[in-house]
Amino acid sequence: MTDNKAKIADELRKMEYEPILPAEIALVKWSICLGVGLLVVFYFLSQWLFPGGH
């Protein structure tokens, strides 16, 4: 197991730095906002459809 971890560590050291592109940043922001927004919508929708569910 430690040999496998050493190989992974060596491969990670060999990797070149790749900056995050602006399009990737926009996709991450949109995904997070969509996820949080849908959580809020579904929460209130469930409270409205199934009141008193404690």
PDB file of N, CA and C in Angstrom:
ATOM      1  N   MET A   1       0.816  -1.193   0.000  1.00  0.00           N
ATOM      2  CA  MET A   1       0.000   0.000   0.000  1.00  0.00           C
ATOM      3  C   MET A   1       0.861   1.260   0.000  1.00  0.00           C
ATOM      4  N   THR A   2       1.948   1.267   0.764  1.00  0.00           N
ATOM      5  CA  THR A   2       2.806   2.450   0.810  1.00  0.00           C
ATOM      6  C   THR A   2       3.534   2.637  -0.511  1.00  0.00           C
ATOM      7  N   ASP A   3       3.826   1.539  -1.212  1.00  0.00           N
ATOM      8  CA  ASP A   3       4.464   1.639  -2.523  1.00  0.00           C
ATOM      9  C   ASP A   3       3.534   2.325  -3.509  1.00  0.00           C
ATOM     10  N   ASN A   4       2.255   2.002  -3.425  1.00  0.00           N
ATOM     11  CA  ASN A   4       1.263   2.615  -4.301  1.00  0.00           C
ATOM     12  C   ASN A   4       1.146   4.109  -4.016  1.00  0.00           C
ATOM     13  N   LYS A   5       1.167   4.494  -2.727  1.00  0.00           N
ATOM     14  CA  LYS A   5       1.096   5.906  -2.354  1.00  0.00           C
ATOM     15  C   LYS A   5       2.334   6.654  -2.838  1.00  0.00           C
ATOM     16  N   ALA A   6       3.484   6.014  -2.795  1.00  0.00           N
ATOM     17  CA  ALA A   6       4.716   6.645  -3.264  1.00  0.00           C
ATOM     18  C   ALA A   6       4.638   6.902  -4.764  1.00  0.00           C
ATOM     19  N   LYS A   7       4.070   5.962  -5.516  1.00  0.00           N
ATOM     20  CA  LYS A   7       3.918   6.148  -6.959  1.00  0.00           C
ATOM     21  C   LYS A   7       2.980   7.305  -7.267  1.00  0.00           C
ATOM     22  N   ILE A   8       1.899   7.396  -6.507  1.00  0.00           N
ATOM     23  CA  ILE A   8       0.956   8.491  -6.722  1.00  0.00           C
ATOM     24  C   ILE A   8       1.615   9.825  -6.397  1.00  0.00           C
ATOM     25  N   ALA A   9       2.369   9.882  -5.312  1.00  0.00           N
ATOM     26  CA  ALA A   9       3.052  11.113  -4.933  1.00  0.00           C
ATOM     27  C   ALA A   9       4.062  11.526  -6.003  1.00  0.00           C
ATOM     28  N   ASP A  10       4.787  10.552  -6.559  1.00  0.00           N
ATOM     29  CA  ASP A  10       5.747  10.862  -7.625  1.00  0.00           C
ATOM     30  C   ASP A  10       5.041  11.412  -8.855  1.00  0.00           C
ATOM     31  N   GLU A  11       3.912  10.816  -9.218  1.00  0.00           N
ATOM     32  CA  GLU A  11       3.165  11.281 -10.387  1.00  0.00           C
ATOM     33  C   GLU A  11       2.613  12.689 -10.167  1.00  0.00           C
ATOM     34  N   LEU A  12       2.167  12.968  -8.957  1.00  0.00           N
ATOM     35  CA  LEU A  12       1.657  14.305  -8.662  1.00  0.00           C
ATOM     36  C   LEU A  12       2.761  15.356  -8.740  1.00  0.00           C
ATOM     37  N   ARG A  13       3.981  14.994  -8.331  1.00  0.00           N
ATOM     38  CA  ARG A  13       5.104  15.930  -8.421  1.00  0.00           C
ATOM     39  C   ARG A  13       5.495  16.195  -9.869  1.00  0.00           C
ATOM     40  N   LYS A  14       5.318  15.202 -10.742  1.00  0.00           N
ATOM     41  CA  LYS A  14       5.686  15.345 -12.153  1.00  0.00           C
ATOM     42  C   LYS A  14       4.690  16.194 -12.942  1.00  0.00           C
ATOM     43  N   MET A  15       3.459  16.304 -12.432  1.00  0.00           N
ATOM     44  CA  MET A  15       2.429  17.029 -13.170  1.00  0.00           C
ATOM     45  C   MET A  15       2.772  18.511 -13.280  1.00  0.00           C
ATOM     46  N   GLU A  16       2.473  19.077 -14.440  1.00  0.00           N
ATOM     47  CA  GLU A  16       2.684  20.502 -14.632  1.00  0.00           C
ATOM     48  C   GLU A  16       1.494  21.270 -14.083  1.00  0.00           C
ATOM     49  N   TYR A  17       1.736  22.528 -13.700  1.00  0.00           N
ATOM     50  CA  TYR A  17       0.671  23.384 -13.200  1.00  0.00           C
ATOM     51  C   TYR A  17      -0.217  23.799 -14.368  1.00  0.00           C
ATOM     52  N   GLU A  18      -1.506  23.627 -14.203  1.00  0.00           N
ATOM     53  CA  GLU A  18      -2.460  24.045 -15.222  1.00  0.00           C
ATOM     54  C   GLU A  18      -3.427  25.035 -14.584  1.00  0.00           C
ATOM     55  N   PRO A  19      -3.396  26.287 -15.026  1.00  0.00           N
ATOM     56  CA  PRO A  19      -4.308  27.273 -14.434  1.00  0.00           C
ATOM     57  C   PRO A  19      -5.756  26.973 -14.813  1.00  0.00           C
ATOM     58  N   ILE A  20      -6.665  27.393 -13.963  1.00  0.00           N
ATOM     59  CA  ILE A  20      -8.090  27.212 -14.236  1.00  0.00           C
ATOM     60  C   ILE A  20      -8.517  28.288 -15.226  1.00  0.00           C
ATOM     61  N   LEU A  21      -9.171  27.865 -16.283  1.00  0.00           N
ATOM     62  CA  LEU A  21      -9.619  28.792 -17.308  1.00  0.00           C
ATOM     63  C   LEU A  21     -10.838  29.573 -16.829  1.00  0.00           C
ATOM     64  N   PRO A  22     -11.035  30.781 -17.375  1.00  0.00           N
ATOM     65  CA  PRO A  22     -12.210  31.566 -16.988  1.00  0.00           C
ATOM     66  C   PRO A  22     -13.532  30.836 -17.251  1.00  0.00           C
ATOM     67  N   ALA A  23     -13.600  30.078 -18.314  1.00  0.00           N
ATOM     68  CA  ALA A  23     -14.824  29.327 -18.604  1.00  0.00           C
ATOM     69  C   ALA A  23     -15.067  28.266 -17.532  1.00  0.00           C
ATOM     70  N   GLU A  24     -14.007  27.647 -17.024  1.00  0.00           N
ATOM     71  CA  GLU A  24     -14.152  26.646 -15.971  1.00  0.00           C
ATOM     72  C   GLU A  24     -14.617  27.299 -14.669  1.00  0.00           C
ATOM     73  N   ILE A  25     -14.100  28.480 -14.373  1.00  0.00           N
ATOM     74  CA  ILE A  25     -14.514  29.201 -13.176  1.00  0.00           C
ATOM     75  C   ILE A  25     -15.997  29.540 -13.268  1.00  0.00           C
ATOM     76  N   ALA A  26     -16.433  29.995 -14.448  1.00  0.00           N
ATOM     77  CA  ALA A  26     -17.842  30.325 -14.637  1.00  0.00           C
ATOM     78  C   ALA A  26     -18.719  29.082 -14.462  1.00  0.00           C
ATOM     79  N   LEU A  27     -18.285  27.952 -14.981  1.00  0.00           N
ATOM     80  CA  LEU A  27     -19.055  26.719 -14.829  1.00  0.00           C
ATOM     81  C   LEU A  27     -19.173  26.302 -13.361  1.00  0.00           C
ATOM     82  N   VAL A  28     -18.096  26.439 -12.612  1.00  0.00           N
ATOM     83  CA  VAL A  28     -18.125  26.088 -11.188  1.00  0.00           C
ATOM     84  C   VAL A  28     -19.079  27.014 -10.437  1.00  0.00           C
ATOM     85  N   LYS A  29     -19.009  28.320 -10.721  1.00  0.00           N
ATOM     86  CA  LYS A  29     -19.899  29.273 -10.054  1.00  0.00           C
ATOM     87  C   LYS A  29     -21.357  28.979 -10.376  1.00  0.00           C
ATOM     88  N   TRP A  30     -21.650  28.731 -11.656  1.00  0.00           N
ATOM     89  CA  TRP A  30     -23.023  28.425 -12.056  1.00  0.00           C
ATOM     90  C   TRP A  30     -23.508  27.143 -11.393  1.00  0.00           C
ATOM     91  N   SER A  31     -22.654  26.146 -11.312  1.00  0.00           N
ATOM     92  CA  SER A  31     -23.038  24.872 -10.712  1.00  0.00           C
ATOM     93  C   SER A  31     -23.345  25.027  -9.228  1.00  0.00           C
ATOM     94  N   ILE A  32     -22.523  25.772  -8.526  1.00  0.00           N
ATOM     95  CA  ILE A  32     -22.749  25.985  -7.094  1.00  0.00           C
ATOM     96  C   ILE A  32     -24.030  26.773  -6.875  1.00  0.00           C
ATOM     97  N   CYS A  33     -24.230  27.832  -7.648  1.00  0.00           N
ATOM     98  CA  CYS A  33     -25.447  28.639  -7.504  1.00  0.00           C
ATOM     99  C   CYS A  33     -26.691  27.821  -7.843  1.00  0.00           C
ATOM    100  N   LEU A  34     -26.624  27.032  -8.878  1.00  0.00           N
ATOM    101  CA  LEU A  34     -27.757  26.190  -9.255  1.00  0.00           C
ATOM    102  C   LEU A  34     -28.058  25.167  -8.166  1.00  0.00           C
ATOM    103  N   GLY A  35     -27.018  24.550  -7.616  1.00  0.00           N
ATOM    104  CA  GLY A  35     -27.205  23.560  -6.564  1.00  0.00           C
ATOM    105  C   GLY A  35     -27.825  24.160  -5.313  1.00  0.00           C
ATOM    106  N   VAL A  36     -27.319  25.294  -4.868  1.00  0.00           N
ATOM    107  CA  VAL A  36     -27.859  25.946  -3.672  1.00  0.00           C
ATOM    108  C   VAL A  36     -29.289  26.424  -3.940  1.00  0.00           C
ATOM    109  N   GLY A  37     -29.503  26.999  -5.116  1.00  0.00           N
ATOM    110  CA  GLY A  37     -30.836  27.468  -5.469  1.00  0.00           C
ATOM    111  C   GLY A  37     -31.855  26.339  -5.496  1.00  0.00           C
ATOM    112  N   LEU A  38     -31.494  25.215  -6.067  1.00  0.00           N
ATOM    113  CA  LEU A  38     -32.417  24.088  -6.119  1.00  0.00           C
ATOM    114  C   LEU A  38     -32.670  23.505  -4.733  1.00  0.00           C
ATOM    115  N   LEU A  39     -31.653  23.501  -3.879  1.00  0.00           N
ATOM    116  CA  LEU A  39     -31.873  23.042  -2.501  1.00  0.00           C
ATOM    117  C   LEU A  39     -32.920  23.907  -1.804  1.00  0.00           C
ATOM    118  N   VAL A  40     -32.838  25.208  -1.979  1.00  0.00           N
ATOM    119  CA  VAL A  40     -33.794  26.123  -1.360  1.00  0.00           C
ATOM    120  C   VAL A  40     -35.185  25.898  -1.947  1.00  0.00           C
ATOM    121  N   VAL A  41     -35.268  25.816  -3.272  1.00  0.00           N
ATOM    122  CA  VAL A  41     -36.566  25.604  -3.928  1.00  0.00           C
ATOM    123  C   VAL A  41     -37.194  24.298  -3.471  1.00  0.00           C
ATOM    124  N   PHE A  42     -36.436  23.222  -3.464  1.00  0.00           N
ATOM    125  CA  PHE A  42     -36.984  21.934  -3.073  1.00  0.00           C
ATOM    126  C   PHE A  42     -37.354  21.896  -1.593  1.00  0.00           C
ATOM    127  N   TYR A  43     -36.613  22.607  -0.762  1.00  0.00           N
ATOM    128  CA  TYR A  43     -36.959  22.671   0.660  1.00  0.00           C
ATOM    129  C   TYR A  43     -38.338  23.314   0.834  1.00  0.00           C
ATOM    130  N   PHE A  44     -38.521  24.490   0.226  1.00  0.00           N
ATOM    131  CA  PHE A  44     -39.801  25.176   0.375  1.00  0.00           C
ATOM    132  C   PHE A  44     -40.929  24.429  -0.333  1.00  0.00           C
ATOM    133  N   LEU A  45     -40.637  23.791  -1.417  1.00  0.00           N
ATOM    134  CA  LEU A  45     -41.633  22.980  -2.109  1.00  0.00           C
ATOM    135  C   LEU A  45     -42.076  21.812  -1.241  1.00  0.00           C
ATOM    136  N   SER A  46     -41.137  21.169  -0.570  1.00  0.00           N
ATOM    137  CA  SER A  46     -41.493  20.045   0.303  1.00  0.00           C
ATOM    138  C   SER A  46     -42.282  20.529   1.516  1.00  0.00           C
ATOM    139  N   GLN A  47     -41.949  21.723   2.036  1.00  0.00           N
ATOM    140  CA  GLN A  47     -42.703  22.273   3.163  1.00  0.00           C
ATOM    141  C   GLN A  47     -44.128  22.608   2.750  1.00  0.00           C
ATOM    142  N   TRP A  48     -44.309  23.050   1.519  1.00  0.00           N
ATOM    143  CA  TRP A  48     -45.627  23.419   1.015  1.00  0.00           C
ATOM    144  C   TRP A  48     -46.465  22.176   0.695  1.00  0.00           C
ATOM    145  N   LEU A  49     -45.838  21.168   0.088  1.00  0.00           N
ATOM    146  CA  LEU A  49     -46.577  19.968  -0.300  1.00  0.00           C
ATOM    147  C   LEU A  49     -46.836  19.018   0.867  1.00  0.00           C
ATOM    148  N   PHE A  50     -45.911  18.987   1.815  1.00  0.00           N
ATOM    149  CA  PHE A  50     -46.022  18.061   2.959  1.00  0.00           C
ATOM    150  C   PHE A  50     -45.883  18.830   4.273  1.00  0.00           C
ATOM    151  N   PRO A  51     -46.895  19.622   4.627  1.00  0.00           N
ATOM    152  CA  PRO A  51     -46.792  20.421   5.862  1.00  0.00           C
ATOM    153  C   PRO A  51     -46.820  19.546   7.109  1.00  0.00           C
ATOM    154  N   GLY A  52     -46.143  20.002   8.145  1.00  0.00           N
ATOM    155  CA  GLY A  52     -46.144  19.304   9.424  1.00  0.00           C
ATOM    156  C   GLY A  52     -45.469  17.956   9.376  1.00  0.00           C
ATOM    157  N   GLY A  53     -44.400  17.817   8.639  1.00  0.00           N
ATOM    158  CA  GLY A  53     -43.739  16.537   8.484  1.00  0.00           C
ATOM    159  C   GLY A  53     -42.744  16.207   9.574  1.00  0.00           C
ATOM    160  N   HIS A  54     -42.837  16.815  10.743  1.00  0.00           N
ATOM    161  CA  HIS A  54     -41.867  16.551  11.818  1.00  0.00           C
ATOM    162  C   HIS A  54     -42.074  15.206  12.403  1.00  0.00           C
TER     163      HIS A  54
END
